[in-house]
C-alpha atoms as a PDB file:
ATOM      1  CA  UNK A   1      86.026  -7.394  10.380  1.00  0.00           C
ATOM      2  CA  UNK A   2      84.775  -3.866   9.924  1.00  0.00           C
ATOM      3  CA  UNK A   3      84.154  -4.501   6.208  1.00  0.00           C
ATOM      4  CA  UNK A   4      82.302  -7.713   7.045  1.00  0.00           C
ATOM      5  CA  UNK A   5      79.959  -5.873   9.399  1.00  0.00           C
ATOM      6  CA  UNK A   6      79.341  -3.180   6.766  1.00  0.00           C
ATOM      7  CA  UNK A   7      78.543  -5.789   4.109  1.00  0.00           C
ATOM      8  CA  UNK A   8      76.229  -7.633   6.502  1.00  0.00           C
ATOM      9  CA  UNK A   9      74.410  -4.374   7.294  1.00  0.00           C
ATOM     10  CA  UNK A  10      73.945  -3.637   3.578  1.00  0.00           C
ATOM     11  CA  UNK A  11      72.585  -7.163   2.953  1.00  0.00           C
ATOM     12  CA  UNK A  12      70.101  -6.833   5.843  1.00  0.00           C
ATOM     13  CA  UNK A  13      68.920  -3.447   4.528  1.00  0.00           C
ATOM     14  CA  UNK A  14      68.464  -4.841   1.017  1.00  0.00           C
ATOM     15  CA  UNK A  15      66.509  -7.815   2.366  1.00  0.00           C
ATOM     16  CA  UNK A  16      64.299  -5.541   4.476  1.00  0.00           C
ATOM     17  CA  UNK A  17      63.522  -3.272   1.512  1.00  0.00           C
ATOM     18  CA  UNK A  18      62.844  -6.297  -0.722  1.00  0.00           C
ATOM     19  CA  UNK A  19      60.482  -7.913   1.790  1.00  0.00           C
ATOM     20  CA  UNK A  20      58.680  -4.618   2.411  1.00  0.00           C
ATOM     21  CA  UNK A  21      58.230  -4.057  -1.321  1.00  0.00           C
ATOM     22  CA  UNK A  22      56.947  -7.605  -1.799  1.00  0.00           C
ATOM     23  CA  UNK A  23      54.443  -7.157   1.003  1.00  0.00           C
ATOM     24  CA  UNK A  24      53.203  -3.903  -0.477  1.00  0.00           C
ATOM     25  CA  UNK A  25      52.946  -5.575  -3.868  1.00  0.00           C
ATOM     26  CA  UNK A  26      51.048  -8.602  -2.538  1.00  0.00           C
ATOM     27  CA  UNK A  27      48.767  -6.463  -0.402  1.00  0.00           C
ATOM     28  CA  UNK A  28      47.959  -3.906  -3.065  1.00  0.00           C
ATOM     29  CA  UNK A  29      44.434  -2.601  -2.490  1.00  0.00           C
ATOM     30  CA  UNK A  30      42.339  -2.274  -5.648  1.00  0.00           C
ATOM     31  CA  UNK A  31      39.330  -0.031  -6.158  1.00  0.00           C
ATOM     32  CA  UNK A  32      36.683  -0.637  -8.770  1.00  0.00           C
ATOM     33  CA  UNK A  33      33.547   0.942 -10.208  1.00  0.00           C
ATOM     34  CA  UNK A  34      30.711  -1.333 -11.250  1.00  0.00           C
ATOM     35  CA  UNK A  35      27.370  -1.258 -13.033  1.00  0.00           C
ATOM     36  CA  UNK A  36      24.528  -3.630 -12.251  1.00  0.00           C
ATOM     37  CA  UNK A  37      21.003  -4.408 -13.333  1.00  0.00           C
ATOM     38  CA  UNK A  38      18.441  -7.150 -12.953  1.00  0.00           C
ATOM     39  CA  UNK A  39      15.015  -8.228 -11.746  1.00  0.00           C
ATOM     40  CA  UNK A  40      13.290  -8.191  -8.361  1.00  0.00           C
ATOM     41  CA  UNK A  41      10.468  -9.973  -6.585  1.00  0.00           C
ATOM     42  CA  UNK A  42       8.848  -7.748  -3.975  1.00  0.00           C
ATOM     43  CA  UNK A  43       6.354  -8.437  -1.192  1.00  0.00           C
ATOM     44  CA  UNK A  44       5.147  -6.837   2.049  1.00  0.00           C
ATOM     45  CA  UNK A  45       5.042  -9.239   4.988  1.00  0.00           C
ATOM     46  CA  UNK A  46       1.928  -8.208   6.914  1.00  0.00           C
ATOM     47  CA  UNK A  47      -1.129  -9.564   8.696  1.00  0.00           C
ATOM     48  CA  UNK A  48      -3.210  -6.553   7.636  1.00  0.00           C
ATOM     49  CA  UNK A  49      -3.541  -7.425   3.948  1.00  0.00           C
ATOM     50  CA  UNK A  50      -3.490 -10.504   1.765  1.00  0.00           C
ATOM     51  CA  UNK A  51      -0.530  -9.867  -0.533  1.00  0.00           C
ATOM     52  CA  UNK A  52       1.159 -11.618  -3.417  1.00  0.00           C
ATOM     53  CA  UNK A  53       4.735 -11.025  -4.560  1.00  0.00           C
ATOM     54  CA  UNK A  54       5.247  -9.469  -7.977  1.00  0.00           C
ATOM     55  CA  UNK A  55       8.243  -8.756 -10.202  1.00  0.00           C
ATOM     56  CA  UNK A  56      10.080  -5.515 -10.928  1.00  0.00           C
ATOM     57  CA  UNK A  57      13.493  -4.287 -12.027  1.00  0.00           C
ATOM     58  CA  UNK A  58      16.589  -2.790 -10.415  1.00  0.00           C
ATOM     59  CA  UNK A  59      19.784  -1.055 -11.501  1.00  0.00           C
ATOM     60  CA  UNK A  60      22.624   0.954 -10.043  1.00  0.00           C
ATOM     61  CA  UNK A  61      26.312   1.619  -9.510  1.00  0.00           C
ATOM     62  CA  UNK A  62      28.823   0.368  -6.979  1.00  0.00           C
ATOM     63  CA  UNK A  63      32.274   1.282  -5.712  1.00  0.00           C
ATOM     64  CA  UNK A  64      34.231  -1.728  -4.473  1.00  0.00           C
ATOM     65  CA  UNK A  65      37.426  -2.103  -2.472  1.00  0.00           C
ATOM     66  CA  UNK A  66      39.393  -5.323  -3.005  1.00  0.00           C
ATOM     67  CA  UNK A  67      41.452  -6.241   0.091  1.00  0.00           C
ATOM     68  CA  UNK A  68      43.787  -9.135  -0.866  1.00  0.00           C
ATOM     69  CA  UNK A  69      45.195  -9.480   2.666  1.00  0.00           C
ATOM     70  CA  UNK A  70      41.742  -9.725   4.274  1.00  0.00           C
ATOM     71  CA  UNK A  71      39.063 -12.412   4.300  1.00  0.00           C
ATOM     72  CA  UNK A  72      36.534  -9.919   3.016  1.00  0.00           C
ATOM     73  CA  UNK A  73      36.064  -7.065   0.555  1.00  0.00           C
ATOM     74  CA  UNK A  74      33.715  -4.088   0.908  1.00  0.00           C
ATOM     75  CA  UNK A  75      31.521  -2.116  -1.466  1.00  0.00           C
ATOM     76  CA  UNK A  76      29.223   0.881  -1.529  1.00  0.00           C
ATOM     77  CA  UNK A  77      26.169   0.651  -3.769  1.00  0.00           C
ATOM     78  CA  UNK A  78      23.527   3.074  -5.005  1.00  0.00           C
ATOM     79  CA  UNK A  79      20.463   1.496  -6.600  1.00  0.00           C
ATOM     80  CA  UNK A  80      17.168   2.528  -8.169  1.00  0.00           C
ATOM     81  CA  UNK A  81      14.287   0.102  -8.541  1.00  0.00           C
ATOM     82  CA  UNK A  82      10.633  -0.168  -9.429  1.00  0.00           C
ATOM     83  CA  UNK A  83       8.909  -2.870  -7.426  1.00  0.00           C
ATOM     84  CA  UNK A  84       5.404  -4.288  -7.660  1.00  0.00           C
ATOM     85  CA  UNK A  85       3.131  -6.028  -5.140  1.00  0.00           C
ATOM     86  CA  UNK A  86      -0.447  -7.316  -5.384  1.00  0.00           C
ATOM     87  CA  UNK A  87      -3.077  -6.827  -2.658  1.00  0.00           C
ATOM     88  CA  UNK A  88      -6.384  -8.687  -2.576  1.00  0.00           C
ATOM     89  CA  UNK A  89      -9.443  -6.459  -2.983  1.00  0.00           C
ATOM     90  CA  UNK A  90     -13.020  -6.535  -4.199  1.00  0.00           C
ATOM     91  CA  UNK A  91     -15.098  -4.154  -6.280  1.00  0.00           C
ATOM     92  CA  UNK A  92     -18.075  -2.707  -4.410  1.00  0.00           C
ATOM     93  CA  UNK A  93     -21.212  -4.715  -5.124  1.00  0.00           C
ATOM     94  CA  UNK A  94     -19.362  -7.786  -6.387  1.00  0.00           C
ATOM     95  CA  UNK A  95     -18.714 -11.018  -4.516  1.00  0.00           C
ATOM     96  CA  UNK A  96     -15.516 -11.883  -6.416  1.00  0.00           C
ATOM     97  CA  UNK A  97     -12.035 -10.843  -5.321  1.00  0.00           C
ATOM     98  CA  UNK A  98      -8.979  -9.953  -7.359  1.00  0.00           C
ATOM     99  CA  UNK A  99      -5.389  -8.974  -6.670  1.00  0.00           C
ATOM    100  CA  UNK A 100      -4.843  -5.278  -7.370  1.00  0.00           C
ATOM    101  CA  UNK A 101      -1.321  -4.334  -8.456  1.00  0.00           C
ATOM    102  CA  UNK A 102       0.655  -1.535  -6.803  1.00  0.00           C
ATOM    103  CA  UNK A 103       4.024  -0.111  -7.818  1.00  0.00           C
ATOM    104  CA  UNK A 104       6.698   1.577  -5.711  1.00  0.00           C
ATOM    105  CA  UNK A 105       9.887   3.386  -6.721  1.00  0.00           C
ATOM    106  CA  UNK A 106      12.917   3.128  -4.438  1.00  0.00           C
ATOM    107  CA  UNK A 107      16.392   4.614  -4.136  1.00  0.00           C
ATOM    108  CA  UNK A 108      18.810   3.068  -1.685  1.00  0.00           C
ATOM    109  CA  UNK A 109      22.389   3.195  -0.487  1.00  0.00           C
ATOM    110  CA  UNK A 110      24.089   0.088   0.894  1.00  0.00           C
ATOM    111  CA  UNK A 111      27.393  -0.799   2.536  1.00  0.00           C
ATOM    112  CA  UNK A 112      28.208  -4.475   2.040  1.00  0.00           C
ATOM    113  CA  UNK A 113      30.860  -6.842   3.329  1.00  0.00           C
ATOM    114  CA  UNK A 114      31.797  -9.568   0.828  1.00  0.00           C
ATOM    115  CA  UNK A 115      33.109 -12.582   2.752  1.00  0.00           C
ATOM    116  CA  UNK A 116      35.426 -14.641   0.546  1.00  0.00           C
ATOM    117  CA  UNK A 117      34.230 -18.238   0.328  1.00  0.00           C
ATOM    118  CA  UNK A 118      36.297 -19.063  -2.782  1.00  0.00           C
ATOM    119  CA  UNK A 119      38.666 -16.127  -3.183  1.00  0.00           C
ATOM    120  CA  UNK A 120      36.850 -13.339  -5.066  1.00  0.00           C
ATOM    121  CA  UNK A 121      34.951 -15.826  -7.228  1.00  0.00           C
ATOM    122  CA  UNK A 122      32.320 -16.687  -4.619  1.00  0.00           C
ATOM    123  CA  UNK A 123      31.440 -14.376  -1.755  1.00  0.00           C
ATOM    124  CA  UNK A 124      28.817 -14.169   0.962  1.00  0.00           C
ATOM    125  CA  UNK A 125      27.431 -10.640   1.000  1.00  0.00           C
ATOM    126  CA  UNK A 126      25.897  -8.983   4.050  1.00  0.00           C
ATOM    127  CA  UNK A 127      25.255  -5.418   5.161  1.00  0.00           C
ATOM    128  CA  UNK A 128      22.803  -2.571   5.926  1.00  0.00           C
ATOM    129  CA  UNK A 129      20.709  -0.564   3.449  1.00  0.00           C
ATOM    130  CA  UNK A 130      19.114   2.857   3.820  1.00  0.00           C
ATOM    131  CA  UNK A 131      16.102   3.278   1.549  1.00  0.00           C
ATOM    132  CA  UNK A 132      13.895   6.071   0.300  1.00  0.00           C
ATOM    133  CA  UNK A 133      10.713   4.942  -1.433  1.00  0.00           C
ATOM    134  CA  UNK A 134       7.686   6.538  -3.023  1.00  0.00           C
ATOM    135  CA  UNK A 135       4.093   5.961  -2.029  1.00  0.00           C
ATOM    136  CA  UNK A 136       2.288   2.816  -3.085  1.00  0.00           C
ATOM    137  CA  UNK A 137       0.725   3.733  -6.416  1.00  0.00           C
ATOM    138  CA  UNK A 138      -2.046   1.835  -8.141  1.00  0.00           C
ATOM    139  CA  UNK A 139      -0.757   0.585 -11.471  1.00  0.00           C
ATOM    140  CA  UNK A 140      -4.287   0.743 -12.861  1.00  0.00           C
ATOM    141  CA  UNK A 141      -6.181   3.782 -11.545  1.00  0.00           C
ATOM    142  CA  UNK A 142      -9.469   2.183 -12.563  1.00  0.00           C
ATOM    143  CA  UNK A 143      -9.006  -0.034  -9.468  1.00  0.00           C
ATOM    144  CA  UNK A 144      -9.672   2.945  -7.191  1.00  0.00           C
ATOM    145  CA  UNK A 145     -12.743   2.448  -5.032  1.00  0.00           C
ATOM    146  CA  UNK A 146     -12.139  -1.264  -4.491  1.00  0.00           C
ATOM    147  CA  UNK A 147     -12.504  -2.535  -0.911  1.00  0.00           C
ATOM    148  CA  UNK A 148      -9.440  -4.220   0.532  1.00  0.00           C
ATOM    149  CA  UNK A 149     -10.247  -7.722   1.721  1.00  0.00           C
ATOM    150  CA  UNK A 150     -10.561  -7.933   5.512  1.00  0.00           C
ATOM    151  CA  UNK A 151     -12.077  -4.462   5.883  1.00  0.00           C
ATOM    152  CA  UNK A 152     -15.527  -2.975   5.391  1.00  0.00           C
ATOM    153  CA  UNK A 153     -14.586   0.459   4.119  1.00  0.00           C
ATOM    154  CA  UNK A 154     -10.806   0.599   3.511  1.00  0.00           C
ATOM    155  CA  UNK A 155     -10.302   1.505  -0.137  1.00  0.00           C
ATOM    156  CA  UNK A 156      -7.371   0.615  -2.363  1.00  0.00           C
ATOM    157  CA  UNK A 157      -6.327   4.287  -2.616  1.00  0.00           C
ATOM    158  CA  UNK A 158      -6.379   4.723   1.184  1.00  0.00           C
ATOM    159  CA  UNK A 159      -3.125   2.826   1.746  1.00  0.00           C
ATOM    160  CA  UNK A 160      -0.904   4.798  -0.612  1.00  0.00           C
ATOM    161  CA  UNK A 161       0.889   6.934   1.972  1.00  0.00           C
ATOM    162  CA  UNK A 162       3.314   4.413   3.450  1.00  0.00           C
ATOM    163  CA  UNK A 163       6.566   5.264   5.259  1.00  0.00           C
ATOM    164  CA  UNK A 164       9.070   6.843   2.859  1.00  0.00           C
ATOM    165  CA  UNK A 165      12.294   6.085   4.757  1.00  0.00           C
ATOM    166  CA  UNK A 166      13.188   2.540   5.742  1.00  0.00           C
ATOM    167  CA  UNK A 167      16.197   0.633   7.069  1.00  0.00           C
ATOM    168  CA  UNK A 168      16.877  -2.787   5.582  1.00  0.00           C
ATOM    169  CA  UNK A 169      19.378  -5.600   5.822  1.00  0.00           C
ATOM    170  CA  UNK A 170      20.788  -7.590   2.900  1.00  0.00           C
ATOM    171  CA  UNK A 171      22.305 -11.056   2.585  1.00  0.00           C
ATOM    172  CA  UNK A 172      23.261 -12.866  -0.585  1.00  0.00           C
ATOM    173  CA  UNK A 173      25.831 -14.606  -2.760  1.00  0.00           C
ATOM    174  CA  UNK A 174      27.986 -13.282  -5.597  1.00  0.00           C
ATOM    175  CA  UNK A 175      29.478 -15.653  -8.182  1.00  0.00           C
ATOM    176  CA  UNK A 176      31.746 -14.736 -11.069  1.00  0.00           C
ATOM    177  CA  UNK A 177      35.192 -14.308 -12.599  1.00  0.00           C
ATOM    178  CA  UNK A 178      37.281 -11.283 -13.456  1.00  0.00           C
ATOM    179  CA  UNK A 179      34.879  -8.419 -14.155  1.00  0.00           C
ATOM    180  CA  UNK A 180      31.566 -10.251 -14.584  1.00  0.00           C
ATOM    181  CA  UNK A 181      29.471 -11.408 -11.614  1.00  0.00           C
ATOM    182  CA  UNK A 182      25.969 -12.660 -10.871  1.00  0.00           C
ATOM    183  CA  UNK A 183      24.495 -11.663  -7.508  1.00  0.00           C
ATOM    184  CA  UNK A 184      21.476 -13.151  -5.739  1.00  0.00           C
ATOM    185  CA  UNK A 185      20.351 -11.059  -2.784  1.00  0.00           C
ATOM    186  CA  UNK A 186      17.587 -11.089  -0.187  1.00  0.00           C
ATOM    187  CA  UNK A 187      16.619  -7.779   1.422  1.00  0.00           C
ATOM    188  CA  UNK A 188      14.483  -7.623   4.564  1.00  0.00           C
ATOM    189  CA  UNK A 189      12.975  -4.446   5.991  1.00  0.00           C
ATOM    190  CA  UNK A 190      13.692  -3.912   9.694  1.00  0.00           C
ATOM    191  CA  UNK A 191      11.370  -0.901   9.936  1.00  0.00           C
ATOM    192  CA  UNK A 192       7.584  -0.829   9.697  1.00  0.00           C
ATOM    193  CA  UNK A 193       6.865   0.118   6.089  1.00  0.00           C
ATOM    194  CA  UNK A 194       3.155   0.590   6.852  1.00  0.00           C
ATOM    195  CA  UNK A 195       3.707   2.624  10.009  1.00  0.00           C
ATOM    196  CA  UNK A 196       2.720   5.935   8.425  1.00  0.00           C
ATOM    197  CA  UNK A 197      -0.792   4.583   7.834  1.00  0.00           C
ATOM    198  CA  UNK A 198      -1.310   4.569  11.610  1.00  0.00           C
ATOM    199  CA  UNK A 199      -1.047   8.377  11.649  1.00  0.00           C
ATOM    200  CA  UNK A 200      -3.929   8.775   9.233  1.00  0.00           C
ATOM    201  CA  UNK A 201      -7.590   8.912  10.129  1.00  0.00           C
ATOM    202  CA  UNK A 202      -8.579   5.701   8.369  1.00  0.00           C
ATOM    203  CA  UNK A 203     -11.939   4.158   9.139  1.00  0.00           C
ATOM    204  CA  UNK A 204     -10.933   0.518   9.442  1.00  0.00           C
ATOM    205  CA  UNK A 205     -13.430  -0.529  12.111  1.00  0.00           C
ATOM    206  CA  UNK A 206     -10.816  -2.096  14.415  1.00  0.00           C
ATOM    207  CA  UNK A 207      -8.073  -0.990  16.793  1.00  0.00           C
ATOM    208  CA  UNK A 208      -5.430  -3.026  14.974  1.00  0.00           C
ATOM    209  CA  UNK A 209      -2.259  -1.242  13.943  1.00  0.00           C
ATOM    210  CA  UNK A 210      -0.789  -1.428  10.476  1.00  0.00           C
ATOM    211  CA  UNK A 211       2.507  -3.285  10.404  1.00  0.00           C
ATOM    212  CA  UNK A 212       4.456  -4.611   7.458  1.00  0.00           C
ATOM    213  CA  UNK A 213       8.063  -5.385   6.550  1.00  0.00           C
ATOM    214  CA  UNK A 214       9.630  -5.321   3.136  1.00  0.00           C
ATOM    215  CA  UNK A 215      10.706  -8.611   1.558  1.00  0.00           C
ATOM    216  CA  UNK A 216      12.712  -8.361  -1.654  1.00  0.00           C
ATOM    217  CA  UNK A 217      14.608 -10.853  -3.795  1.00  0.00           C
ATOM    218  CA  UNK A 218      16.998  -9.393  -6.380  1.00  0.00           C
ATOM    219  CA  UNK A 219      18.967 -11.160  -9.119  1.00  0.00           C
ATOM    220  CA  UNK A 220      21.458  -8.884 -10.841  1.00  0.00           C
ATOM    221  CA  UNK A 221      24.278  -8.997 -13.354  1.00  0.00           C
ATOM    222  CA  UNK A 222      27.290  -6.956 -12.231  1.00  0.00           C
ATOM    223  CA  UNK A 223      30.092  -5.616 -14.439  1.00  0.00           C
ATOM    224  CA  UNK A 224      33.219  -4.070 -12.915  1.00  0.00           C
ATOM    225  CA  UNK A 225      34.839  -1.393 -15.080  1.00  0.00           C
END
């Protein structure tokens, strides 16, 4: 009887160790480093200017954490991009209008949750982004001195000094297999990108405040190393 109890105890211990090892094996967390690059379509949603979205490019690196026992994964991403937007303006003395192109460089850090719709092959991505961006720069400096449509004396170069730090939110889908993924993402700016213009002594002829929110579409190819 004593030997039977000892054998039973050994069997239980072996089973416990086996189950624990299997659980650790099934729930093994995997980390990955990825590279990504693609194209963007950028716009500023505002009532102050007449804008038109334009294309740019984006690239960066990501660190991902694969959680097999969860319904989501997480990743940290650092990205650099050059985005373009067009604003309607008119040359002094002319009755015709044209869209003047601006460019803006950005660097951002994001923390994303990747909700598993079809395992890791299709995920819904959502999370916050902290962004630093340059001023709005005229792509063609010969467009300086143009009057922005809707104002009598606001020049194209007057609106360069926009807010440099912005908080955004991202939502998108990632589709792929193994180490290769395509990601479509929409990024919306929660903060007022044009807010810094309100601190400048601009002669706009009205008491209206400048307000605008970033709107960005990004399509990227992602490779996990």
